[in-house]
Amino acid sequence: MGSFGTREATLVAGRESEGWSQNYVVSHQYSEGYRDHARAEKMVLGGKWVYQPDARWKVGVIARVSQTDAQEA
């Protein structure tokens, strides 16, 4: 745990097979903030998919979604 009750956890995974690669991430961040009414929380999900049929070509897609909840002073 860090300053102001800050915590962060991240889980990542990846795999490669026969020209395909895939990567995934899940992350959660939380902080109480340094003043009253400064709490913040964030959740992130992401993925990356790449296909490389030969040494000359590579095609990929990246997707990410996040949700943030924060108080304002």
Protein backbone atom coordinates (compact mmCIF):
# COMPACT_ATOMS: atom_id res chain seq x y z
CA MET A 1 0.00 0.00 0.00
CA GLY A 2 1.32 3.42 -0.93
CA SER A 3 0.75 6.96 0.23
CA PHE A 4 -2.86 8.05 0.79
CA GLY A 5 -4.09 4.44 0.71
CA THR A 6 -3.01 3.97 -2.90
CA ARG A 7 -3.16 0.42 -4.25
CA GLU A 8 -2.70 -1.01 -7.72
CA ALA A 9 -3.00 -4.57 -9.02
CA THR A 10 -2.34 -5.67 -12.60
CA LEU A 11 -2.68 -9.09 -14.21
CA VAL A 12 -1.25 -9.72 -17.69
CA ALA A 13 -1.19 -12.81 -19.89
CA GLY A 14 0.08 -13.53 -23.37
CA ARG A 15 0.30 -16.36 -25.85
CA GLU A 16 1.90 -16.99 -29.25
CA SER A 17 1.09 -19.82 -31.64
CA GLU A 18 1.44 -20.36 -35.41
CA GLY A 19 1.58 -16.70 -36.46
CA TRP A 20 -0.99 -15.52 -33.89
CA SER A 21 -0.19 -13.62 -30.72
CA GLN A 22 -2.60 -12.43 -28.05
CA ASN A 23 -2.09 -10.31 -24.94
CA TYR A 24 -4.56 -9.46 -22.18
CA VAL A 25 -4.46 -7.05 -19.23
CA VAL A 26 -6.73 -6.42 -16.23
CA SER A 27 -5.82 -3.57 -13.90
CA HIS A 28 -7.38 -2.00 -10.81
CA GLN A 29 -6.20 1.23 -9.14
CA TYR A 30 -7.54 2.79 -5.93
CA SER A 31 -6.51 5.83 -3.88
CA GLU A 32 -8.01 7.67 -0.93
CA GLY A 33 -6.37 10.89 -2.18
CA TYR A 34 -4.42 13.47 -0.23
CA ARG A 35 -7.45 15.53 0.89
CA ASP A 36 -11.09 14.98 1.88
CA HIS A 37 -13.35 13.88 -0.99
CA ALA A 38 -10.43 12.88 -3.22
CA ARG A 39 -11.03 9.14 -3.50
CA ALA A 40 -10.47 7.66 -6.98
CA GLU A 41 -10.89 4.18 -8.44
CA LYS A 42 -10.10 2.92 -11.95
CA MET A 43 -10.62 -0.44 -13.68
CA VAL A 44 -9.01 -1.25 -17.06
CA LEU A 45 -9.49 -4.24 -19.39
CA GLY A 46 -7.44 -4.58 -22.57
CA GLY A 47 -6.47 -6.98 -25.30
CA LYS A 48 -4.16 -7.12 -28.31
CA TRP A 49 -4.45 -9.63 -31.14
CA VAL A 50 -1.85 -9.85 -33.91
CA TYR A 51 -1.57 -12.12 -36.94
CA GLN A 52 1.73 -12.40 -38.82
CA PRO A 53 1.42 -14.78 -41.79
CA ASP A 54 5.03 -14.19 -42.90
CA ALA A 55 8.03 -11.94 -42.19
CA ARG A 56 6.68 -9.10 -44.40
CA TRP A 57 3.13 -8.72 -43.07
CA LYS A 58 1.64 -8.12 -39.65
CA VAL A 59 -1.98 -7.19 -38.85
CA GLY A 60 -3.26 -6.37 -35.38
CA VAL A 61 -6.12 -5.03 -33.31
CA ILE A 62 -5.91 -3.40 -29.90
CA ALA A 63 -8.95 -2.84 -27.67
CA ARG A 64 -9.09 -1.15 -24.27
CA VAL A 65 -11.97 -0.16 -22.01
CA SER A 66 -11.76 1.64 -18.68
CA GLN A 67 -14.10 2.89 -16.00
CA THR A 68 -13.13 5.62 -13.55
CA ASP A 69 -14.99 6.75 -10.45
CA ALA A 70 -13.58 9.79 -8.65
CA GLN A 71 -14.83 12.26 -6.07
CA GLU A 72 -14.41 15.96 -6.54
CA ALA A 73 -13.54 18.41 -3.80
